[in-house]
Amino acid sequence: MELINTFNDWLWSYILIALLLAAAVWFTLSTKGVQFRMFGEMLRLLAASGTREDRKESEHPGNHHTISSFQAFAVSIASRVGTGNLAGVATAIAIGGAGSVFWMWVIALLGAASAFVESTLAQLFKERGDRSFKGGPAYYILKGIGCRWWAVTFAVLITITFGLAFNSVQANTMTAAAAVSFGWNPAWFGAIITVGTLAVIWGGIQRISRFSEIVVPVMAILYIILALTVIALNIGKLPAVLSSIVSEAFTGSAALGGGVGSALMMGIKRGLFSNEAGEGSAPNVAATASVSHPVKQGLLQSFAVFTDTIIICTCTAFIILFSGVLGNGTSGIALTQASLEAEVGTAGSTFVAVAVFLFAFTSIVSNYYYGETNLQFICKRRWPVAAYRLAVGAMVMVGSVTSLELAWSLADVFMGLMTLCNLAAIIVLGRFAVRLLNDYTAQRRRGQNPQYHRSTIPELADKTDCWPR
């Protein structure tokens, strides 16, 4: 643990925070604030996604197993909205104070531009697979930059990070919540989760996407309604809570003994774990969508960052800060459960346990897909996928009974290394996303439904043969 924590401190304190913020600011400027000026367009696309008309116009000839833009959005939300929104926010506040919430907001608002760039690039460089499109950072690094070792390095890191390290975190939080609320034995509950995971992931992206588009909207809406109820009951405390979030971001939390650096680091680390902007995960599912222009999925994935952090993470933060239980010695999911119990009674703890199960389980199956698509990039044979599915199930079981501190620390290490690989790639290739955005907005101004053709970026025509001429 000492070695892992030392490496984490060095990686995050001196490299990743600066690089993440610099990239997010650069993409915000180069896209002229796409995450702000095109927010209305994001809502329009979300309302239209998944409709019969949208699916019909976006289908590409010869592809009979399409994933709709809404299904891709739902799978990415399923991965983003997980234990990071409940346990991760609680951990950040317990260590960094209320100010860490402010830095979560900052990294989300700026990082939405990074999310737009990486998902647009994933759409541009996607390939046809056996059952749907496939793509992601490994594909755009290989096709756009022409560096195979870099692409394979990323593919290895994300396969380990999401399928193994992150899924152990999700399982850990699920079993901890069930133990607190129902007294269930972590080993037995972990075995049940493992069986359920294998049952879903064995069906591939088709089953995962269908599962996610049903469960994700329901669980998110219920959690938001609960949070709004808590806010309504504590509306008089809202100005003081907002004031503490802003002031402690720059002064630190005296009550918890944390400084500005602690609030900044915890806010960005837990914020990135939750919204994944610039991390290189969401592009893997963004590439599977069948859309008429790459920017459409880029905008939807940018909106997913807002949904994750600005809405759902903020809901958890308000529940904790309104409750007054902060500083009682609890952290992680136990703090979230104690906070909600203080607000609505023992039913609150039970609700969190159920919400954690839904949030985390959908994250596990979505995380698995990120690993699978990159494993297929590394090796085209089928047997490694079957072996990987069993390994994912094993890590879900291991995560159910291991320590929370070890699970989070390992997740931070692999997440940091993976993010470095992806950020460097999208900085190099970001200019193509900007050109695509300009093409998209020009077509929209002419009243057209934007369509992308390879001739738009002729120097990439031979590398983007998924798109019509």
Protein backbone atom coordinates (compact mmCIF):
# COMPACT_ATOMS: atom_id res chain seq x y z
CA MET A 1 0.00 0.00 0.00
CA GLU A 2 2.86 2.38 0.82
CA LEU A 3 4.46 1.83 -2.59
CA ILE A 4 1.15 2.20 -4.45
CA ASN A 5 0.23 5.39 -2.59
CA THR A 6 3.67 6.95 -3.19
CA PHE A 7 3.40 6.31 -6.92
CA ASN A 8 -0.18 7.63 -6.96
CA ASP A 9 0.83 10.85 -5.20
CA TRP A 10 3.65 11.46 -7.68
CA LEU A 11 1.56 10.62 -10.75
CA TRP A 12 -1.45 12.70 -9.76
CA SER A 13 0.24 15.60 -7.97
CA TYR A 14 2.87 16.45 -10.56
CA ILE A 15 1.59 15.17 -13.91
CA LEU A 16 -2.05 14.27 -14.36
CA ILE A 17 -3.83 17.20 -12.71
CA ALA A 18 -1.81 19.70 -14.74
CA LEU A 19 -2.20 17.74 -17.97
CA LEU A 20 -5.93 17.15 -17.52
CA LEU A 21 -6.66 20.79 -16.84
CA ALA A 22 -4.36 22.00 -19.63
CA ALA A 23 -5.97 19.66 -22.18
CA ALA A 24 -9.49 20.54 -21.05
CA VAL A 25 -8.78 24.28 -21.30
CA TRP A 26 -7.12 23.85 -24.71
CA PHE A 27 -10.05 21.88 -26.13
CA THR A 28 -12.52 24.34 -24.64
CA LEU A 29 -10.74 27.18 -26.43
CA SER A 30 -10.12 25.36 -29.73
CA THR A 31 -13.78 24.27 -29.99
CA LYS A 32 -14.95 27.73 -28.87
CA GLY A 33 -16.60 26.27 -25.81
CA VAL A 34 -18.50 23.48 -27.55
CA GLN A 35 -19.78 22.15 -24.22
CA PHE A 36 -21.50 25.50 -23.52
CA ARG A 37 -22.51 26.95 -26.88
CA MET A 38 -23.95 23.67 -28.20
CA PHE A 39 -25.72 22.56 -25.04
CA GLY A 40 -29.10 23.06 -26.73
CA GLU A 41 -27.97 20.88 -29.64
CA MET A 42 -27.00 18.15 -27.16
CA LEU A 43 -30.52 18.17 -25.74
CA ARG A 44 -32.01 18.09 -29.24
CA LEU A 45 -29.87 15.09 -30.20
CA LEU A 46 -30.71 13.29 -26.96
CA ALA A 47 -34.44 13.80 -27.58
CA ALA A 48 -34.08 12.50 -31.15
CA SER A 49 -31.73 9.61 -30.40
CA GLY A 50 -33.25 6.17 -30.51
CA THR A 51 -36.31 7.25 -32.48
CA ARG A 52 -37.28 5.24 -35.55
CA GLU A 53 -36.36 8.12 -37.85
CA ASP A 54 -32.98 8.60 -36.21
CA ARG A 55 -32.10 4.90 -36.51
CA LYS A 56 -33.22 4.77 -40.12
CA GLU A 57 -31.15 7.74 -41.30
CA SER A 58 -28.06 6.78 -39.33
CA GLU A 59 -27.77 3.16 -40.47
CA HIS A 60 -24.86 2.42 -42.75
CA PRO A 61 -25.30 0.02 -45.68
CA GLY A 62 -24.28 -3.54 -44.91
CA ASN A 63 -24.37 -3.14 -41.13
CA HIS A 64 -27.28 -5.20 -39.84
CA HIS A 65 -26.51 -5.14 -36.10
CA THR A 66 -26.51 -1.45 -35.29
CA ILE A 67 -26.24 0.15 -31.87
CA SER A 68 -28.38 3.28 -31.67
CA SER A 69 -26.92 6.58 -30.51
CA PHE A 70 -29.10 6.37 -27.37
CA GLN A 71 -27.92 2.84 -26.57
CA ALA A 72 -24.29 3.99 -26.86
CA PHE A 73 -25.13 6.98 -24.64
CA ALA A 74 -26.81 4.67 -22.10
CA VAL A 75 -23.86 2.26 -21.97
CA SER A 76 -21.42 5.14 -21.41
CA ILE A 77 -23.68 6.56 -18.68
CA ALA A 78 -23.86 3.09 -17.13
CA SER A 79 -20.08 3.04 -16.86
CA ARG A 80 -19.81 6.64 -15.67
CA VAL A 81 -22.65 6.47 -13.16
CA GLY A 82 -21.46 3.97 -10.60
CA THR A 83 -19.84 3.86 -7.20
CA GLY A 84 -17.90 7.02 -8.04
CA ASN A 85 -21.16 8.94 -7.78
CA LEU A 86 -22.04 7.57 -4.34
CA ALA A 87 -18.91 6.23 -2.64
CA GLY A 88 -16.36 8.31 -4.59
CA VAL A 89 -18.05 11.64 -3.85
CA ALA A 90 -18.35 10.67 -0.19
CA THR A 91 -14.65 9.76 -0.02
CA ALA A 92 -13.67 13.05 -1.67
CA ILE A 93 -15.74 15.10 0.79
CA ALA A 94 -14.55 13.09 3.82
CA ILE A 95 -10.90 13.77 2.92
CA GLY A 96 -10.97 17.06 1.00
CA GLY A 97 -14.03 18.71 2.51
CA ALA A 98 -16.87 20.50 0.72
CA GLY A 99 -14.36 22.29 -1.51
CA SER A 100 -13.65 19.07 -3.39
CA VAL A 101 -17.16 19.32 -4.90
CA PHE A 102 -16.22 22.64 -6.51
CA TRP A 103 -13.21 21.05 -8.22
CA MET A 104 -15.41 18.16 -9.38
CA TRP A 105 -17.59 20.75 -11.09
CA VAL A 106 -14.59 22.46 -12.67
CA ILE A 107 -13.10 19.26 -14.10
CA ALA A 108 -16.54 18.26 -15.43
CA LEU A 109 -17.33 21.61 -17.08
CA LEU A 110 -13.92 21.83 -18.72
CA GLY A 111 -13.52 18.09 -19.26
CA ALA A 112 -16.75 17.93 -21.27
CA ALA A 113 -14.73 19.42 -24.15
CA SER A 114 -12.18 16.60 -23.84
CA ALA A 115 -15.06 14.09 -23.83
CA PHE A 116 -16.38 15.64 -27.03
CA VAL A 117 -13.01 15.39 -28.78
CA GLU A 118 -12.22 11.79 -27.82
CA SER A 119 -15.68 10.45 -28.71
CA THR A 120 -15.79 12.32 -32.03
CA LEU A 121 -12.39 10.84 -32.92
CA ALA A 122 -13.63 7.37 -31.97
CA GLN A 123 -16.54 7.76 -34.40
CA LEU A 124 -14.27 9.06 -37.16
CA PHE A 125 -11.82 6.14 -36.99
CA LYS A 126 -14.27 3.33 -36.13
CA GLU A 127 -14.30 -0.03 -37.92
CA ARG A 128 -16.95 -2.58 -38.81
CA GLY A 129 -17.10 -5.55 -36.44
CA ASP A 130 -18.94 -8.83 -36.65
CA ARG A 131 -21.96 -7.57 -34.70
CA SER A 132 -21.57 -3.77 -34.59
CA PHE A 133 -19.05 -1.02 -35.14
CA LYS A 134 -15.98 -1.01 -32.91
CA GLY A 135 -13.36 1.58 -32.07
CA GLY A 136 -11.84 3.75 -29.37
CA PRO A 137 -8.45 5.22 -28.47
CA ALA A 138 -6.47 2.15 -29.54
CA TYR A 139 -8.03 2.44 -33.00
CA TYR A 140 -7.53 6.19 -33.42
CA ILE A 141 -3.97 5.97 -32.12
CA LEU A 142 -3.15 3.27 -34.67
CA LYS A 143 -5.00 4.84 -37.62
CA GLY A 144 -4.52 8.51 -36.86
CA ILE A 145 -0.98 8.48 -35.45
CA GLY A 146 0.27 5.21 -36.94
CA CYS A 147 1.91 3.96 -33.74
CA ARG A 148 1.01 0.35 -32.91
CA TRP A 149 3.00 0.00 -29.66
CA TRP A 150 1.24 3.08 -28.27
CA ALA A 151 -2.15 1.71 -29.30
CA VAL A 152 -1.44 -1.71 -27.77
CA THR A 153 -0.18 -0.10 -24.55
CA PHE A 154 -3.44 1.76 -24.17
CA ALA A 155 -5.44 -1.38 -24.99
CA VAL A 156 -3.61 -3.38 -22.31
CA LEU A 157 -4.06 -0.63 -19.70
CA ILE A 158 -7.80 -0.18 -20.27
CA THR A 159 -8.35 -3.94 -20.30
CA ILE A 160 -6.78 -4.16 -16.85
CA THR A 161 -8.24 -0.88 -15.55
CA PHE A 162 -11.89 -1.37 -16.35
CA GLY A 163 -12.47 -5.10 -16.50
CA LEU A 164 -10.34 -5.88 -13.46
CA ALA A 165 -9.37 -2.92 -11.22
CA PHE A 166 -12.53 -0.79 -11.59
CA ASN A 167 -14.84 -3.78 -11.38
CA SER A 168 -13.24 -4.80 -8.10
CA VAL A 169 -14.08 -1.29 -6.79
CA GLN A 170 -17.68 -1.57 -7.96
CA ALA A 171 -18.11 -5.00 -6.35
CA ASN A 172 -16.42 -3.81 -3.16
CA THR A 173 -18.90 -0.97 -2.76
CA MET A 174 -21.91 -3.15 -3.57
CA THR A 175 -21.07 -5.73 -0.92
CA ALA A 176 -20.21 -3.04 1.65
CA ALA A 177 -23.60 -1.35 1.14
CA ALA A 178 -25.44 -4.68 1.37
CA ALA A 179 -23.57 -5.54 4.58
CA VAL A 180 -24.51 -2.22 6.20
CA SER A 181 -28.20 -2.29 5.19
CA PHE A 182 -29.05 -5.98 5.26
CA GLY A 183 -26.18 -7.68 7.09
CA TRP A 184 -25.45 -9.88 4.09
CA ASN A 185 -22.22 -11.84 4.00
CA PRO A 186 -19.86 -10.22 1.41
CA ALA A 187 -18.62 -13.58 0.12
CA TRP A 188 -22.11 -14.94 -0.58
CA PHE A 189 -23.37 -11.68 -2.05
CA GLY A 190 -20.18 -11.41 -4.11
CA ALA A 191 -20.85 -14.87 -5.55
CA ILE A 192 -24.35 -13.78 -6.60
CA ILE A 193 -22.98 -10.64 -8.28
CA THR A 194 -20.35 -12.70 -10.08
CA VAL A 195 -22.94 -15.09 -11.54
CA GLY A 196 -25.13 -12.17 -12.64
CA THR A 197 -22.17 -10.44 -14.26
CA LEU A 198 -21.20 -13.50 -16.28
CA ALA A 199 -24.80 -14.01 -17.41
CA VAL A 200 -24.99 -10.50 -18.89
CA ILE A 201 -21.49 -10.08 -20.34
CA TRP A 202 -21.63 -13.42 -22.15
CA GLY A 203 -24.19 -11.83 -24.47
CA GLY A 204 -21.74 -9.19 -25.76
CA ILE A 205 -22.46 -5.53 -26.60
CA GLN A 206 -25.97 -6.28 -27.92
CA ARG A 207 -27.16 -7.63 -24.55
CA ILE A 208 -25.18 -5.03 -22.59
CA SER A 209 -26.69 -2.14 -24.58
CA ARG A 210 -30.26 -3.46 -24.23
CA PHE A 211 -29.75 -3.99 -20.49
CA SER A 212 -28.29 -0.49 -20.03
CA GLU A 213 -30.90 1.46 -22.00
CA ILE A 214 -33.62 0.03 -19.73
CA VAL A 215 -31.97 0.18 -16.31
CA VAL A 216 -29.86 3.35 -16.53
CA PRO A 217 -32.62 5.96 -17.11
CA VAL A 218 -34.81 4.45 -14.38
CA MET A 219 -32.12 4.34 -11.70
CA ALA A 220 -30.84 7.84 -12.50
CA ILE A 221 -34.30 9.41 -12.39
CA LEU A 222 -35.18 7.76 -9.07
CA TYR A 223 -31.93 8.91 -7.46
CA ILE A 224 -32.40 12.48 -8.72
CA ILE A 225 -35.98 12.56 -7.38
CA LEU A 226 -34.73 11.44 -3.97
CA ALA A 227 -32.01 14.10 -3.96
CA LEU A 228 -34.47 16.82 -4.97
CA THR A 229 -36.69 15.73 -2.08
CA VAL A 230 -33.77 16.08 0.34
CA ILE A 231 -32.93 19.51 -1.09
CA ALA A 232 -36.56 20.63 -0.75
CA LEU A 233 -36.60 19.53 2.90
CA ASN A 234 -33.39 21.48 3.56
CA ILE A 235 -33.90 24.45 1.25
CA GLY A 236 -32.98 26.85 4.03
CA LYS A 237 -29.51 25.32 4.29
CA LEU A 238 -28.80 25.57 0.56
CA PRO A 239 -27.08 29.02 0.58
CA ALA A 240 -24.75 27.95 3.41
CA VAL A 241 -23.88 24.66 1.67
CA LEU A 242 -23.12 26.40 -1.63
CA SER A 243 -21.02 28.97 0.21
CA SER A 244 -18.98 26.24 1.93
CA ILE A 245 -18.38 24.45 -1.38
CA VAL A 246 -16.97 27.59 -2.99
CA SER A 247 -15.06 28.98 0.00
CA GLU A 248 -13.43 25.67 1.03
CA ALA A 249 -12.25 25.13 -2.54
CA PHE A 250 -9.77 27.97 -1.95
CA THR A 251 -9.25 27.82 1.81
CA GLY A 252 -9.50 24.13 2.67
CA SER A 253 -11.63 22.52 5.36
CA ALA A 254 -10.62 23.55 8.86
CA ALA A 255 -13.06 21.08 10.41
CA LEU A 256 -11.49 18.11 8.61
CA GLY A 257 -7.93 19.42 8.76
CA GLY A 258 -7.64 19.42 4.98
CA GLY A 259 -5.95 22.11 2.89
CA VAL A 260 -6.64 23.50 -0.57
CA GLY A 261 -4.37 20.87 -2.12
CA SER A 262 -6.40 18.06 -0.56
CA ALA A 263 -9.69 19.50 -1.86
CA LEU A 264 -8.20 20.04 -5.33
CA MET A 265 -6.65 16.58 -5.63
CA MET A 266 -9.60 14.65 -4.25
CA GLY A 267 -12.08 16.62 -6.35
CA ILE A 268 -10.19 15.98 -9.58
CA LYS A 269 -9.29 12.33 -8.85
CA ARG A 270 -12.78 11.31 -7.79
CA GLY A 271 -14.33 13.55 -10.44
CA LEU A 272 -12.32 11.88 -13.18
CA PHE A 273 -13.11 8.42 -11.81
CA SER A 274 -16.78 9.30 -12.03
CA ASN A 275 -17.15 11.25 -15.30
CA GLU A 276 -14.18 9.67 -17.19
CA ALA A 277 -13.68 12.81 -19.35
CA GLY A 278 -10.39 12.52 -21.26
CA GLU A 279 -9.72 9.12 -19.77
CA GLY A 280 -10.29 7.16 -22.97
CA SER A 281 -13.08 4.85 -21.78
CA ALA A 282 -16.30 6.31 -23.22
CA PRO A 283 -14.88 6.49 -26.80
CA ASN A 284 -14.92 2.68 -26.90
CA VAL A 285 -18.71 2.61 -26.72
CA ALA A 286 -19.17 5.92 -28.57
CA ALA A 287 -17.61 4.23 -31.61
CA THR A 288 -20.29 1.51 -31.65
CA ALA A 289 -23.13 3.94 -32.40
CA SER A 290 -24.56 4.20 -35.89
CA VAL A 291 -24.85 7.94 -36.59
CA SER A 292 -24.76 10.08 -39.72
CA HIS A 293 -21.96 12.36 -38.45
CA PRO A 294 -19.21 11.75 -35.84
CA VAL A 295 -20.02 14.98 -34.01
CA LYS A 296 -23.47 13.70 -33.03
CA GLN A 297 -22.02 11.08 -30.72
CA GLY A 298 -19.32 13.50 -29.54
CA LEU A 299 -21.99 15.93 -28.36
CA LEU A 300 -24.00 13.20 -26.63
CA GLN A 301 -20.90 11.98 -24.77
CA SER A 302 -20.12 15.54 -23.74
CA PHE A 303 -23.63 15.78 -22.30
CA ALA A 304 -23.03 12.50 -20.45
CA VAL A 305 -20.30 14.26 -18.43
CA PHE A 306 -22.82 16.91 -17.32
CA THR A 307 -25.32 14.19 -16.40
CA ASP A 308 -22.77 12.30 -14.34
CA THR A 309 -21.05 15.05 -12.39
CA ILE A 310 -23.12 18.22 -12.48
CA ILE A 311 -26.35 16.34 -11.74
CA ILE A 312 -25.78 12.98 -10.04
CA CYS A 313 -22.52 13.66 -8.16
CA THR A 314 -23.99 16.96 -6.95
CA CYS A 315 -27.04 15.10 -5.68
CA THR A 316 -24.81 12.92 -3.49
CA ALA A 317 -22.78 15.91 -2.32
CA PHE A 318 -25.88 17.82 -1.22
CA ILE A 319 -27.28 14.80 0.62
CA ILE A 320 -24.02 14.48 2.60
CA LEU A 321 -23.54 18.19 3.30
CA PHE A 322 -27.17 18.73 4.34
CA SER A 323 -27.14 15.80 6.76
CA GLY A 324 -24.54 17.13 9.19
CA VAL A 325 -22.93 13.72 9.70
CA LEU A 326 -19.66 14.65 7.94
CA GLY A 327 -16.74 14.15 10.29
CA ASN A 328 -18.27 11.21 12.16
CA GLY A 329 -15.42 8.93 11.09
CA THR A 330 -17.19 7.22 8.20
CA SER A 331 -16.20 7.44 4.55
CA GLY A 332 -17.15 5.91 1.22
CA ILE A 333 -20.57 4.35 0.81
CA ALA A 334 -21.10 4.15 4.58
CA LEU A 335 -21.02 7.97 4.74
CA THR A 336 -23.59 8.28 1.97
CA GLN A 337 -25.85 5.76 3.70
CA ALA A 338 -25.50 7.49 7.07
CA SER A 339 -26.27 10.86 5.47
CA LEU A 340 -29.42 9.68 3.76
CA GLU A 341 -30.54 7.82 6.86
CA ALA A 342 -30.21 11.07 8.81
CA GLU A 343 -32.50 12.76 6.28
CA VAL A 344 -35.24 10.23 5.58
CA GLY A 345 -34.79 7.51 8.20
CA THR A 346 -33.66 3.91 7.89
CA ALA A 347 -35.33 3.60 4.49
CA GLY A 348 -32.63 5.95 3.18
CA SER A 349 -29.86 3.46 3.91
CA THR A 350 -31.83 0.71 2.19
CA PHE A 351 -32.45 2.92 -0.86
CA VAL A 352 -28.71 3.63 -1.16
CA ALA A 353 -27.96 -0.09 -1.03
CA VAL A 354 -30.42 -0.73 -3.87
CA ALA A 355 -29.16 2.27 -5.85
CA VAL A 356 -25.57 1.12 -5.40
CA PHE A 357 -26.49 -2.31 -6.69
CA LEU A 358 -28.08 -0.87 -9.84
CA PHE A 359 -25.43 1.79 -10.41
CA ALA A 360 -22.52 -0.55 -9.80
CA PHE A 361 -23.88 -3.57 -11.63
CA THR A 362 -24.51 -1.61 -14.83
CA SER A 363 -21.01 -0.15 -14.45
CA ILE A 364 -19.51 -3.64 -14.16
CA VAL A 365 -21.07 -4.90 -17.37
CA SER A 366 -20.20 -1.69 -19.26
CA ASN A 367 -16.65 -1.74 -17.93
CA TYR A 368 -16.31 -5.28 -19.16
CA TYR A 369 -17.19 -4.21 -22.69
CA TYR A 370 -14.40 -1.62 -22.70
CA GLY A 371 -11.96 -4.37 -21.88
CA GLU A 372 -13.39 -6.80 -24.42
CA THR A 373 -13.21 -4.44 -27.39
CA ASN A 374 -9.57 -3.62 -26.60
CA LEU A 375 -8.69 -7.27 -26.06
CA GLN A 376 -10.04 -7.94 -29.56
CA PHE A 377 -7.81 -5.13 -30.82
CA ILE A 378 -4.76 -6.85 -29.33
CA CYS A 379 -5.69 -10.39 -30.35
CA LYS A 380 -8.25 -11.43 -32.98
CA ARG A 381 -8.78 -14.94 -31.60
CA ARG A 382 -11.93 -15.83 -29.69
CA TRP A 383 -10.53 -17.83 -26.74
CA PRO A 384 -8.91 -14.81 -24.99
CA VAL A 385 -12.35 -13.16 -24.79
CA ALA A 386 -13.80 -16.21 -23.01
CA ALA A 387 -10.80 -16.26 -20.65
CA TYR A 388 -11.20 -12.52 -20.02
CA ARG A 389 -14.87 -12.96 -19.12
CA LEU A 390 -13.89 -15.51 -16.50
CA ALA A 391 -11.13 -13.19 -15.20
CA VAL A 392 -13.66 -10.35 -14.88
CA GLY A 393 -15.96 -12.62 -12.88
CA ALA A 394 -13.04 -13.59 -10.66
CA MET A 395 -12.13 -9.94 -9.99
CA VAL A 396 -15.73 -9.15 -9.10
CA MET A 397 -15.51 -11.91 -6.51
CA VAL A 398 -12.12 -10.74 -5.23
CA GLY A 399 -13.31 -7.13 -5.03
CA SER A 400 -16.27 -8.21 -2.94
CA VAL A 401 -14.03 -9.34 -0.08
CA THR A 402 -10.90 -7.15 -0.35
CA SER A 403 -10.20 -3.84 1.40
CA LEU A 404 -11.69 -0.60 0.06
CA GLU A 405 -8.37 1.26 0.35
CA LEU A 406 -6.47 -1.26 -1.76
CA ALA A 407 -9.23 -1.39 -4.41
CA TRP A 408 -9.34 2.41 -4.81
CA SER A 409 -5.54 2.78 -4.85
CA LEU A 410 -5.06 0.19 -7.60
CA ALA A 411 -7.86 1.78 -9.62
CA ASP A 412 -6.13 5.17 -9.35
CA VAL A 413 -2.79 3.77 -10.61
CA PHE A 414 -4.20 2.15 -13.73
CA MET A 415 -6.62 5.00 -14.40
CA GLY A 416 -3.74 7.48 -14.28
CA LEU A 417 -1.52 5.56 -16.70
CA MET A 418 -4.39 4.97 -19.12
CA THR A 419 -5.37 8.64 -19.03
CA LEU A 420 -1.81 9.71 -19.87
CA CYS A 421 -1.86 7.53 -23.02
CA ASN A 422 -5.21 8.88 -24.17
CA LEU A 423 -4.59 12.56 -23.42
CA ALA A 424 -1.39 12.54 -25.44
CA ALA A 425 -3.27 10.98 -28.37
CA ILE A 426 -6.22 13.37 -28.41
CA ILE A 427 -3.89 16.37 -28.12
CA VAL A 428 -2.17 15.17 -31.31
CA LEU A 429 -5.42 14.35 -33.15
CA GLY A 430 -7.71 17.01 -31.70
CA ARG A 431 -7.49 19.21 -34.81
CA PHE A 432 -9.58 16.66 -36.74
CA ALA A 433 -12.38 16.86 -34.16
CA VAL A 434 -12.37 20.65 -34.57
CA ARG A 435 -12.65 20.31 -38.36
CA LEU A 436 -15.54 17.89 -37.96
CA LEU A 437 -17.27 20.30 -35.57
CA ASN A 438 -16.94 23.14 -38.09
CA ASP A 439 -18.38 20.90 -40.82
CA TYR A 440 -21.26 19.87 -38.58
CA THR A 441 -22.20 23.44 -37.59
CA ALA A 442 -21.96 24.62 -41.22
CA GLN A 443 -24.45 21.93 -42.29
CA ARG A 444 -26.77 22.78 -39.39
CA ARG A 445 -26.75 26.47 -40.37
CA ARG A 446 -27.89 25.43 -43.86
CA GLY A 447 -30.80 23.58 -42.28
CA GLN A 448 -29.44 20.13 -43.12
CA ASN A 449 -29.24 16.96 -41.09
CA PRO A 450 -25.42 16.71 -40.95
CA GLN A 451 -23.89 13.84 -42.92
CA TYR A 452 -20.19 12.98 -42.92
CA HIS A 453 -18.34 11.85 -46.06
CA ARG A 454 -14.71 10.81 -46.35
CA SER A 455 -14.03 13.65 -48.77
CA THR A 456 -14.52 16.13 -45.90
CA ILE A 457 -11.05 15.23 -44.57
CA PRO A 458 -9.36 13.82 -47.69
CA GLU A 459 -6.04 13.03 -46.00
CA LEU A 460 -7.88 10.49 -43.81
CA ALA A 461 -10.06 9.00 -46.55
CA ASP A 462 -8.20 5.67 -46.65
CA LYS A 463 -8.29 5.37 -42.85
CA THR A 464 -12.01 6.06 -42.41
CA ASP A 465 -13.54 3.59 -44.86
CA CYS A 466 -16.50 2.99 -42.54
CA TRP A 467 -17.95 6.25 -43.84
CA PRO A 468 -19.50 6.83 -47.32
CA ARG A 469 -17.51 8.62 -49.99
